[in-house]
């Protein structure tokens, strides 16, 4: 195992911990806006993990998945922000 693999594995473990924190925040968030931010953050962390996994496995095809995921995540964030804004009126 080379040093790059150790660093990537450590980063994946840390991202998994971030995902757990985001999931907890999404469940117990006091407002809808907190929940939306937590879900968006969890999605971003998942995309980062997939990107790191692509580097670790040397599979560039996974980066296409990350690219599509970022587009979907952006559109979902805009839609959820509009929904939260309408509910707060």
N, C-alpha and C. Protein backbone atom coordinates (compact mmCIF):
# COMPACT_ATOMS: atom_id res chain seq x y z
N UNK A 1 0.85 -1.17 0.00
CA UNK A 1 0.00 0.00 0.00
C UNK A 1 0.90 1.24 0.00
N UNK A 2 0.66 2.11 -0.94
CA UNK A 2 1.49 3.29 -1.03
C UNK A 2 0.86 4.44 -0.25
N UNK A 3 1.63 5.50 -0.06
CA UNK A 3 1.17 6.62 0.76
C UNK A 3 -0.08 7.27 0.19
N UNK A 4 -0.19 7.33 -1.14
CA UNK A 4 -1.37 7.94 -1.76
C UNK A 4 -2.63 7.16 -1.38
N UNK A 5 -2.55 5.85 -1.36
CA UNK A 5 -3.71 5.04 -1.00
C UNK A 5 -4.10 5.26 0.46
N UNK A 6 -3.13 5.41 1.32
CA UNK A 6 -3.42 5.65 2.74
C UNK A 6 -4.12 7.00 2.90
N UNK A 7 -3.63 8.00 2.21
CA UNK A 7 -4.25 9.33 2.29
C UNK A 7 -5.67 9.29 1.75
N UNK A 8 -5.87 8.63 0.62
CA UNK A 8 -7.22 8.54 0.04
C UNK A 8 -8.16 7.76 0.94
N UNK A 9 -7.68 6.67 1.53
CA UNK A 9 -8.53 5.90 2.44
C UNK A 9 -8.90 6.72 3.68
N UNK A 10 -7.95 7.47 4.20
CA UNK A 10 -8.23 8.33 5.35
C UNK A 10 -9.26 9.40 4.98
N UNK A 11 -9.12 9.98 3.82
CA UNK A 11 -10.07 10.99 3.38
C UNK A 11 -11.47 10.39 3.21
N UNK A 12 -11.55 9.18 2.70
CA UNK A 12 -12.85 8.52 2.56
C UNK A 12 -13.50 8.26 3.92
N UNK A 13 -12.71 7.87 4.90
CA UNK A 13 -13.25 7.65 6.24
C UNK A 13 -13.75 8.97 6.83
N UNK A 14 -12.99 10.03 6.66
CA UNK A 14 -13.42 11.34 7.17
C UNK A 14 -14.69 11.82 6.46
N UNK A 15 -14.79 11.56 5.17
CA UNK A 15 -16.01 11.93 4.45
C UNK A 15 -17.21 11.11 4.94
N UNK A 16 -16.97 9.86 5.30
CA UNK A 16 -18.05 9.04 5.85
C UNK A 16 -18.53 9.61 7.18
N UNK A 17 -17.61 10.09 8.00
CA UNK A 17 -18.00 10.73 9.26
C UNK A 17 -18.80 12.01 9.01
N UNK A 18 -18.39 12.77 8.02
CA UNK A 18 -19.14 13.98 7.64
C UNK A 18 -20.55 13.63 7.17
N UNK A 19 -20.66 12.53 6.47
CA UNK A 19 -21.97 12.10 6.00
C UNK A 19 -22.88 11.72 7.16
N UNK A 20 -22.33 11.10 8.18
CA UNK A 20 -23.11 10.75 9.37
C UNK A 20 -23.59 12.02 10.07
N UNK A 21 -22.72 13.00 10.21
CA UNK A 21 -23.09 14.27 10.83
C UNK A 21 -24.19 14.96 10.02
N UNK A 22 -24.07 14.95 8.72
CA UNK A 22 -25.09 15.56 7.87
C UNK A 22 -26.43 14.84 7.99
N UNK A 23 -26.39 13.52 8.10
CA UNK A 23 -27.63 12.75 8.25
C UNK A 23 -28.31 13.07 9.57
N UNK A 24 -27.53 13.20 10.62
CA UNK A 24 -28.11 13.56 11.92
C UNK A 24 -28.73 14.94 11.86
N UNK A 25 -28.04 15.87 11.24
CA UNK A 25 -28.57 17.23 11.12
C UNK A 25 -29.83 17.27 10.26
N UNK A 26 -29.89 16.42 9.25
CA UNK A 26 -31.08 16.38 8.40
C UNK A 26 -32.29 15.84 9.16
N UNK A 27 -32.04 14.96 10.10
CA UNK A 27 -33.15 14.38 10.87
C UNK A 27 -33.61 15.31 11.98
N UNK A 28 -32.67 15.92 12.71
CA UNK A 28 -33.04 16.71 13.88
C UNK A 28 -32.97 18.21 13.64
N UNK A 29 -32.77 18.63 12.41
CA UNK A 29 -32.68 20.06 12.11
C UNK A 29 -33.93 20.78 12.57
N UNK A 30 -33.77 21.91 13.25
CA UNK A 30 -34.96 22.58 13.78
C UNK A 30 -35.84 23.23 12.71
N UNK A 31 -35.26 23.60 11.58
CA UNK A 31 -36.07 24.24 10.53
C UNK A 31 -35.91 23.49 9.22
N UNK A 32 -36.81 23.80 8.31
CA UNK A 32 -36.72 23.18 6.98
C UNK A 32 -35.45 23.60 6.25
N UNK A 33 -35.04 24.83 6.44
CA UNK A 33 -33.81 25.31 5.79
C UNK A 33 -32.60 24.53 6.28
N UNK A 34 -32.55 24.22 7.57
CA UNK A 34 -31.45 23.41 8.10
C UNK A 34 -31.43 22.03 7.48
N UNK A 35 -32.60 21.46 7.34
CA UNK A 35 -32.69 20.12 6.74
C UNK A 35 -32.24 20.14 5.28
N UNK A 36 -32.65 21.16 4.54
CA UNK A 36 -32.25 21.27 3.13
C UNK A 36 -30.74 21.42 3.02
N UNK A 37 -30.16 22.26 3.86
CA UNK A 37 -28.71 22.44 3.84
C UNK A 37 -27.98 21.15 4.20
N UNK A 38 -28.50 20.41 5.17
CA UNK A 38 -27.86 19.16 5.57
C UNK A 38 -27.93 18.12 4.46
N UNK A 39 -29.06 18.03 3.79
CA UNK A 39 -29.19 17.08 2.68
C UNK A 39 -28.28 17.48 1.53
N UNK A 40 -28.22 18.77 1.24
CA UNK A 40 -27.34 19.25 0.18
C UNK A 40 -25.87 18.98 0.53
N UNK A 41 -25.51 19.21 1.77
CA UNK A 41 -24.14 18.93 2.20
C UNK A 41 -23.84 17.44 2.12
N UNK A 42 -24.80 16.61 2.51
CA UNK A 42 -24.61 15.16 2.42
C UNK A 42 -24.42 14.71 0.98
N UNK A 43 -25.17 15.31 0.08
CA UNK A 43 -25.02 14.96 -1.33
C UNK A 43 -23.65 15.38 -1.85
N UNK A 44 -23.21 16.56 -1.44
CA UNK A 44 -21.88 17.04 -1.84
C UNK A 44 -20.78 16.14 -1.29
N UNK A 45 -20.92 15.72 -0.06
CA UNK A 45 -19.94 14.81 0.55
C UNK A 45 -19.92 13.48 -0.20
N UNK A 46 -21.08 13.00 -0.59
CA UNK A 46 -21.15 11.75 -1.36
C UNK A 46 -20.45 11.90 -2.70
N UNK A 47 -20.66 13.02 -3.36
CA UNK A 47 -19.97 13.26 -4.64
C UNK A 47 -18.46 13.34 -4.46
N UNK A 48 -18.03 13.97 -3.38
CA UNK A 48 -16.59 14.02 -3.11
C UNK A 48 -16.03 12.62 -2.86
N UNK A 49 -16.80 11.80 -2.16
CA UNK A 49 -16.35 10.43 -1.90
C UNK A 49 -16.25 9.63 -3.20
N UNK A 50 -17.20 9.82 -4.10
CA UNK A 50 -17.15 9.13 -5.38
C UNK A 50 -15.94 9.60 -6.19
N UNK A 51 -15.64 10.90 -6.13
CA UNK A 51 -14.47 11.42 -6.84
C UNK A 51 -13.18 10.83 -6.27
N UNK A 52 -13.09 10.75 -4.95
CA UNK A 52 -11.91 10.13 -4.34
C UNK A 52 -11.83 8.65 -4.68
N UNK A 53 -12.97 8.00 -4.73
CA UNK A 53 -12.99 6.59 -5.09
C UNK A 53 -12.54 6.39 -6.53
N UNK A 54 -12.89 7.33 -7.40
CA UNK A 54 -12.43 7.25 -8.80
C UNK A 54 -10.91 7.34 -8.88
N UNK A 55 -10.34 8.20 -8.06
CA UNK A 55 -8.88 8.31 -8.03
C UNK A 55 -8.27 7.06 -7.44
N UNK A 56 -8.86 6.58 -6.35
CA UNK A 56 -8.32 5.39 -5.66
C UNK A 56 -8.36 4.16 -6.54
N UNK A 57 -9.46 3.97 -7.27
CA UNK A 57 -9.62 2.79 -8.13
C UNK A 57 -9.08 3.02 -9.53
N UNK A 58 -8.63 4.23 -9.80
CA UNK A 58 -8.12 4.59 -11.12
C UNK A 58 -9.17 4.31 -12.20
N UNK A 59 -10.38 4.80 -11.94
CA UNK A 59 -11.52 4.61 -12.83
C UNK A 59 -12.09 5.98 -13.21
N UNK A 60 -11.65 6.53 -14.32
CA UNK A 60 -12.12 7.87 -14.69
C UNK A 60 -13.60 7.92 -15.06
N UNK A 61 -14.21 6.79 -15.33
CA UNK A 61 -15.64 6.79 -15.68
C UNK A 61 -16.49 7.28 -14.51
N UNK A 62 -16.02 7.10 -13.29
CA UNK A 62 -16.77 7.57 -12.13
C UNK A 62 -16.83 9.10 -12.08
N UNK A 63 -15.87 9.75 -12.69
CA UNK A 63 -15.88 11.21 -12.70
C UNK A 63 -17.03 11.75 -13.55
N UNK A 64 -17.46 11.00 -14.55
CA UNK A 64 -18.65 11.39 -15.31
C UNK A 64 -19.88 11.37 -14.41
N UNK A 65 -19.94 10.38 -13.54
CA UNK A 65 -21.04 10.29 -12.57
C UNK A 65 -21.02 11.50 -11.64
N UNK A 66 -19.84 11.91 -11.22
CA UNK A 66 -19.71 13.09 -10.36
C UNK A 66 -20.18 14.34 -11.09
N UNK A 67 -19.83 14.46 -12.35
CA UNK A 67 -20.23 15.63 -13.14
C UNK A 67 -21.75 15.71 -13.26
N UNK A 68 -22.39 14.61 -13.57
CA UNK A 68 -23.85 14.58 -13.67
C UNK A 68 -24.47 14.83 -12.30
N UNK A 69 -23.87 14.26 -11.28
CA UNK A 69 -24.38 14.44 -9.92
C UNK A 69 -24.34 15.89 -9.46
N UNK A 70 -23.29 16.61 -9.82
CA UNK A 70 -23.23 18.02 -9.44
C UNK A 70 -24.31 18.83 -10.13
N UNK A 71 -24.62 18.51 -11.36
CA UNK A 71 -25.70 19.21 -12.06
C UNK A 71 -27.04 18.92 -11.39
N UNK A 72 -27.29 17.66 -11.10
CA UNK A 72 -28.54 17.29 -10.42
C UNK A 72 -28.61 17.93 -9.04
N UNK A 73 -27.50 17.92 -8.32
CA UNK A 73 -27.46 18.53 -6.99
C UNK A 73 -27.74 20.02 -7.03
N UNK A 74 -27.19 20.70 -8.01
CA UNK A 74 -27.44 22.14 -8.14
C UNK A 74 -28.92 22.41 -8.42
N UNK A 75 -29.50 21.66 -9.34
CA UNK A 75 -30.91 21.87 -9.66
C UNK A 75 -31.80 21.54 -8.47
N UNK A 76 -31.46 20.50 -7.73
CA UNK A 76 -32.24 20.14 -6.54
C UNK A 76 -32.12 21.22 -5.47
N UNK A 77 -30.95 21.79 -5.32
CA UNK A 77 -30.76 22.85 -4.33
C UNK A 77 -31.59 24.08 -4.68
N UNK A 78 -31.61 24.44 -5.93
CA UNK A 78 -32.42 25.59 -6.36
C UNK A 78 -33.90 25.31 -6.12
N UNK A 79 -34.35 24.12 -6.47
CA UNK A 79 -35.76 23.77 -6.28
C UNK A 79 -36.14 23.76 -4.80
N UNK A 80 -35.29 23.18 -3.97
CA UNK A 80 -35.60 23.13 -2.54
C UNK A 80 -35.53 24.51 -1.90
N UNK A 81 -34.64 25.36 -2.37
CA UNK A 81 -34.57 26.73 -1.84
C UNK A 81 -35.84 27.49 -2.18
N UNK A 82 -36.34 27.29 -3.37
CA UNK A 82 -37.61 27.95 -3.73
C UNK A 82 -38.76 27.42 -2.89
N UNK A 83 -38.76 26.12 -2.62
CA UNK A 83 -39.81 25.53 -1.79
C UNK A 83 -39.76 26.08 -0.37
N UNK A 84 -38.58 26.17 0.20
CA UNK A 84 -38.44 26.71 1.55
C UNK A 84 -38.83 28.18 1.59
N UNK A 85 -38.49 28.93 0.55
CA UNK A 85 -38.85 30.35 0.50
C UNK A 85 -40.36 30.53 0.42
N UNK A 86 -41.03 29.67 -0.30
CA UNK A 86 -42.50 29.77 -0.40
C UNK A 86 -43.16 29.40 0.92
N UNK A 87 -42.62 28.41 1.61
CA UNK A 87 -43.20 28.01 2.90
C UNK A 87 -43.02 29.07 3.97
N UNK A 88 -41.95 29.84 3.88
CA UNK A 88 -41.68 30.83 4.93
C UNK A 88 -42.51 32.11 4.77
N UNK A 89 -43.22 32.26 3.69
CA UNK A 89 -44.04 33.46 3.48
C UNK A 89 -45.28 33.42 4.30
